[in-house]
């Protein structure tokens, strides 16, 4: 399992190097994931240890969102001050789907 984790991190590292070397607007981990996908397509299937590791990671995927959620809650006032916390704020208002100028009730939920 450790070798499979090293493989995943290696592809992420290669993607990061490619993204920075070519000054691409695509995040390195996305490039690494695409390279891994290409490798798996060429091989025809994923090795069994990689399948097991992927299954284990997917079972705990929700835990990876906890730090981001905590960061949003901890810095909510800063996000609100920068008009990031309110999707209706900013210079570009959302289009009026009804054409009547009323605020869409779905945004308030």
Protein backbone atom coordinates (compact mmCIF):
# COMPACT_ATOMS: atom_id res chain seq x y z
CA UNK A 1 0.00 0.00 0.00
CA UNK A 2 2.91 2.33 0.69
CA UNK A 3 4.25 1.82 -2.84
CA UNK A 4 0.83 2.72 -4.27
CA UNK A 5 0.70 5.87 -2.16
CA UNK A 6 4.18 6.78 -3.39
CA UNK A 7 2.96 6.22 -6.95
CA UNK A 8 0.01 8.59 -6.46
CA UNK A 9 2.20 11.23 -4.86
CA UNK A 10 4.77 10.77 -7.63
CA UNK A 11 2.18 11.51 -10.30
CA UNK A 12 1.07 14.55 -8.31
CA UNK A 13 4.67 15.74 -8.11
CA UNK A 14 5.22 15.24 -11.85
CA UNK A 15 2.00 17.15 -12.55
CA UNK A 16 3.14 19.99 -10.30
CA UNK A 17 6.54 20.16 -12.00
CA UNK A 18 4.91 20.19 -15.46
CA UNK A 19 2.42 22.89 -14.43
CA UNK A 20 5.14 25.15 -13.02
CA UNK A 21 7.68 24.49 -15.79
CA UNK A 22 5.18 25.28 -18.54
CA UNK A 23 3.43 28.01 -16.51
CA UNK A 24 0.05 26.36 -17.08
CA UNK A 25 -3.16 27.66 -15.47
CA UNK A 26 -4.12 24.05 -14.61
CA UNK A 27 -3.27 22.83 -11.08
CA UNK A 28 -0.43 20.31 -10.90
CA UNK A 29 -2.49 17.62 -9.15
CA UNK A 30 -5.02 17.74 -12.00
CA UNK A 31 -2.25 17.25 -14.55
CA UNK A 32 -0.86 14.41 -12.43
CA UNK A 33 -4.30 12.79 -12.28
CA UNK A 34 -4.63 13.02 -16.06
CA UNK A 35 -1.18 11.46 -16.50
CA UNK A 36 -2.17 8.64 -14.14
CA UNK A 37 -5.39 8.13 -16.09
CA UNK A 38 -3.44 7.97 -19.34
CA UNK A 39 -1.06 5.42 -17.80
CA UNK A 40 -3.94 3.27 -16.57
CA UNK A 41 -5.65 3.43 -19.97
CA UNK A 42 -2.44 2.29 -21.67
CA UNK A 43 -1.97 -0.53 -19.12
CA UNK A 44 -5.59 -1.59 -19.47
CA UNK A 45 -6.28 -1.80 -15.74
CA UNK A 46 -5.07 -0.59 -12.37
CA UNK A 47 -2.74 -2.81 -10.35
CA UNK A 48 -4.46 -4.52 -7.42
CA UNK A 49 -2.55 -2.58 -4.70
CA UNK A 50 -3.55 0.70 -6.36
CA UNK A 51 -7.18 -0.44 -6.46
CA UNK A 52 -7.08 -1.25 -2.73
CA UNK A 53 -5.48 2.09 -1.86
CA UNK A 54 -7.99 3.99 -4.00
CA UNK A 55 -10.85 2.19 -2.29
CA UNK A 56 -9.46 3.07 1.15
CA UNK A 57 -8.96 6.73 0.20
CA UNK A 58 -12.47 7.00 -1.22
CA UNK A 59 -13.97 5.57 1.98
CA UNK A 60 -12.45 8.49 3.92
CA UNK A 61 -12.87 11.20 1.27
CA UNK A 62 -15.30 13.21 3.40
CA UNK A 63 -12.57 13.74 6.03
CA UNK A 64 -10.48 15.61 3.47
CA UNK A 65 -13.14 18.35 3.30
CA UNK A 66 -13.06 19.02 7.05
CA UNK A 67 -9.99 21.36 6.98
CA UNK A 68 -11.49 23.40 4.14
CA UNK A 69 -14.81 23.70 5.98
CA UNK A 70 -13.07 24.74 9.20
CA UNK A 71 -11.06 27.33 7.26
CA UNK A 72 -14.20 28.80 5.75
CA UNK A 73 -15.89 29.01 9.14
CA UNK A 74 -12.79 30.42 10.84
CA UNK A 75 -12.30 33.12 8.20
CA UNK A 76 -15.95 33.81 7.36
CA UNK A 77 -15.73 37.49 8.35
CA UNK A 78 -12.76 38.00 6.03
CA UNK A 79 -14.58 36.24 3.19
CA UNK A 80 -17.64 38.35 3.86
CA UNK A 81 -15.57 41.55 3.83
CA UNK A 82 -14.16 40.56 0.43
CA UNK A 83 -17.68 39.79 -0.91
CA UNK A 84 -16.80 36.11 -1.31
CA UNK A 85 -19.25 34.85 1.31
CA UNK A 86 -22.34 36.21 -0.49
CA UNK A 87 -22.83 34.77 -3.99
CA UNK A 88 -25.08 37.70 -4.90
CA UNK A 89 -22.42 40.31 -4.06
CA UNK A 90 -20.05 41.93 -6.53
CA UNK A 91 -20.23 43.76 -9.81
CA UNK A 92 -21.73 40.92 -11.85
CA UNK A 93 -25.27 40.20 -10.58
CA UNK A 94 -26.87 36.87 -11.34
CA UNK A 95 -29.26 36.92 -14.29
CA UNK A 96 -32.92 37.33 -13.43
CA UNK A 97 -34.49 34.00 -14.46
CA UNK A 98 -38.06 35.29 -14.11
CA UNK A 99 -37.43 38.65 -15.76
CA UNK A 100 -39.50 40.38 -13.06
CA UNK A 101 -36.64 41.83 -10.98
CA UNK A 102 -37.52 39.66 -7.97
CA UNK A 103 -34.80 37.86 -6.01
CA UNK A 104 -34.81 34.12 -6.65
CA UNK A 105 -35.99 32.45 -3.45
CA UNK A 106 -33.62 29.51 -4.03
CA UNK A 107 -30.59 31.71 -3.30
CA UNK A 108 -31.78 32.46 0.23
CA UNK A 109 -31.78 28.84 1.38
